[in-house]
C-alpha atoms as a PDB file:
ATOM      1  CA  MET A   1      -4.017 -11.977 -16.511  1.00  0.00           C
ATOM      2  CA  GLU A   2      -4.922  -8.085 -15.549  1.00  0.00           C
ATOM      3  CA  LEU A   3      -3.824  -7.287 -11.935  1.00  0.00           C
ATOM      4  CA  THR A   4      -6.089  -5.249  -9.965  1.00  0.00           C
ATOM      5  CA  GLN A   5      -4.401  -1.933  -8.804  1.00  0.00           C
ATOM      6  CA  PHE A   6      -5.619  -0.038  -5.800  1.00  0.00           C
ATOM      7  CA  ARG A   7      -5.356   3.494  -4.658  1.00  0.00           C
ATOM      8  CA  ALA A   8      -4.107   5.548  -1.272  1.00  0.00           C
ATOM      9  CA  ASN A   9      -6.777   5.881   0.328  1.00  0.00           C
ATOM     10  CA  GLN A  10      -9.218   2.670  -0.561  1.00  0.00           C
ATOM     11  CA  ARG A  11      -9.886  -0.294   2.314  1.00  0.00           C
ATOM     12  CA  VAL A  12      -7.146  -3.034   1.623  1.00  0.00           C
ATOM     13  CA  PRO A  13      -9.013  -5.512   0.688  1.00  0.00           C
ATOM     14  CA  GLN A  14      -6.733  -8.289   2.061  1.00  0.00           C
ATOM     15  CA  SER A  15      -3.873  -8.929   4.612  1.00  0.00           C
ATOM     16  CA  GLY A  16      -0.478  -9.285   2.132  1.00  0.00           C
ATOM     17  CA  ILE A  17       2.276  -8.018   0.698  1.00  0.00           C
ATOM     18  CA  TYR A  18       1.991  -5.450  -2.279  1.00  0.00           C
ATOM     19  CA  ARG A  19       4.100  -3.863  -4.863  1.00  0.00           C
ATOM     20  CA  VAL A  20       4.094  -0.126  -4.246  1.00  0.00           C
ATOM     21  CA  ILE A  21       4.207   1.837  -7.519  1.00  0.00           C
ATOM     22  CA  HIS A  22       5.081   5.294  -7.471  1.00  0.00           C
ATOM     23  CA  SER A  23       4.666   8.213  -9.773  1.00  0.00           C
ATOM     24  CA  GLN A  24       8.215   8.581 -11.071  1.00  0.00           C
ATOM     25  CA  HIS A  25      10.214   9.288  -8.458  1.00  0.00           C
ATOM     26  CA  ARG A  26      10.890   6.165  -6.639  1.00  0.00           C
ATOM     27  CA  LEU A  27      11.785   2.598  -7.881  1.00  0.00           C
ATOM     28  CA  MET A  28       8.556  -0.056  -7.004  1.00  0.00           C
ATOM     29  CA  HIS A  29       9.266  -1.542  -4.118  1.00  0.00           C
ATOM     30  CA  GLU A  30       7.033  -3.689  -1.221  1.00  0.00           C
ATOM     31  CA  ALA A  31       4.857  -2.834   1.656  1.00  0.00           C
ATOM     32  CA  THR A  32       2.704  -5.263   4.222  1.00  0.00           C
ATOM     33  CA  LEU A  33      -0.595  -3.685   4.637  1.00  0.00           C
ATOM     34  CA  VAL A  34      -3.507  -5.524   6.812  1.00  0.00           C
ATOM     35  CA  ALA A  35      -6.835  -5.731   5.841  1.00  0.00           C
ATOM     36  CA  ASN A  36      -9.722  -3.219   6.415  1.00  0.00           C
ATOM     37  CA  GLU A  37      -7.224  -0.622   7.094  1.00  0.00           C
ATOM     38  CA  ASN A  38      -6.583   2.000   3.920  1.00  0.00           C
ATOM     39  CA  PHE A  39      -3.963   2.179   1.816  1.00  0.00           C
ATOM     40  CA  PRO A  40      -1.406   5.068   2.406  1.00  0.00           C
ATOM     41  CA  CYS A  41      -0.258   8.099   0.194  1.00  0.00           C
ATOM     42  CA  CYS A  42       3.306   8.502  -0.665  1.00  0.00           C
ATOM     43  CA  LYS A  43       5.124  11.490   0.860  1.00  0.00           C
ATOM     44  CA  ARG A  44       6.086  12.368  -2.130  1.00  0.00           C
ATOM     45  CA  CYS A  45       3.469  11.398  -4.927  1.00  0.00           C
ATOM     46  CA  GLY A  46       0.213  11.667  -2.488  1.00  0.00           C
ATOM     47  CA  LYS A  47      -2.364   9.586  -3.750  1.00  0.00           C
ATOM     48  CA  SER A  48      -0.655   9.208  -7.490  1.00  0.00           C
ATOM     49  CA  VAL A  49       0.676   5.856  -5.629  1.00  0.00           C
ATOM     50  CA  LYS A  50      -0.740   2.592  -6.657  1.00  0.00           C
ATOM     51  CA  PHE A  51      -0.721  -1.094  -4.945  1.00  0.00           C
ATOM     52  CA  ILE A  52      -0.496  -4.422  -6.279  1.00  0.00           C
ATOM     53  CA  LEU A  53      -1.343  -7.421  -4.245  1.00  0.00           C
ATOM     54  CA  VAL A  54       1.564  -9.572  -4.741  1.00  0.00           C
ATOM     55  CA  ARG A  55       0.920 -12.490  -2.189  1.00  0.00           C
ATOM     56  CA  SER A  56      -1.610 -12.726   1.164  1.00  0.00           C
ATOM     57  CA  VAL A  57      -0.434 -13.348   4.256  1.00  0.00           C
ATOM     58  CA  ASP A  58      -1.572 -14.215   7.575  1.00  0.00           C
ATOM     59  CA  GLU A  59      -3.456 -11.430   9.274  1.00  0.00           C
ATOM     60  CA  GLU A  60      -1.692 -12.410  12.900  1.00  0.00           C
ATOM     61  CA  LYS A  61       1.453 -11.788  11.280  1.00  0.00           C
ATOM     62  CA  VAL A  62       1.502  -8.889  10.464  1.00  0.00           C
ATOM     63  CA  LEU A  63       2.143  -5.439  12.274  1.00  0.00           C
ATOM     64  CA  PRO A  64      -0.695  -2.437  11.567  1.00  0.00           C
ATOM     65  CA  PHE A  65       1.076   0.161   9.276  1.00  0.00           C
ATOM     66  CA  SER A  66       2.483   3.007  10.511  1.00  0.00           C
ATOM     67  CA  SER A  67       4.126   6.397   8.970  1.00  0.00           C
ATOM     68  CA  GLY A  68       7.986   5.613   7.647  1.00  0.00           C
ATOM     69  CA  ALA A  69      10.556   7.913   5.379  1.00  0.00           C
ATOM     70  CA  ILE A  70       7.904   7.157   2.097  1.00  0.00           C
ATOM     71  CA  LEU A  71       4.312   6.175   2.850  1.00  0.00           C
ATOM     72  CA  GLU A  72       1.854   7.838   5.550  1.00  0.00           C
ATOM     73  CA  LYS A  73      -1.230   7.778   6.322  1.00  0.00           C
ATOM     74  CA  CYS A  74      -3.653  10.102   4.292  1.00  0.00           C
ATOM     75  CA  GLU A  75      -5.307  12.827   5.316  1.00  0.00           C
ATOM     76  CA  GLN A  76      -9.169  12.664   4.443  1.00  0.00           C
END
């Protein structure tokens, strides 16, 4: 079964925990994202970062995304 990959700046289709796959500079990690927000960019590999849904979560239990040490909101 092929998993759907999402890219930075696309709309998050559903709230959940997403596996974050970077462009060779960092191991995979996970981030919790809210539906209808945009997927963030990586501070190092930019829009090359990819996301795969691991598990959906109840939107009421998820804090909105805020930029951190690795991921940041994409510039349009």
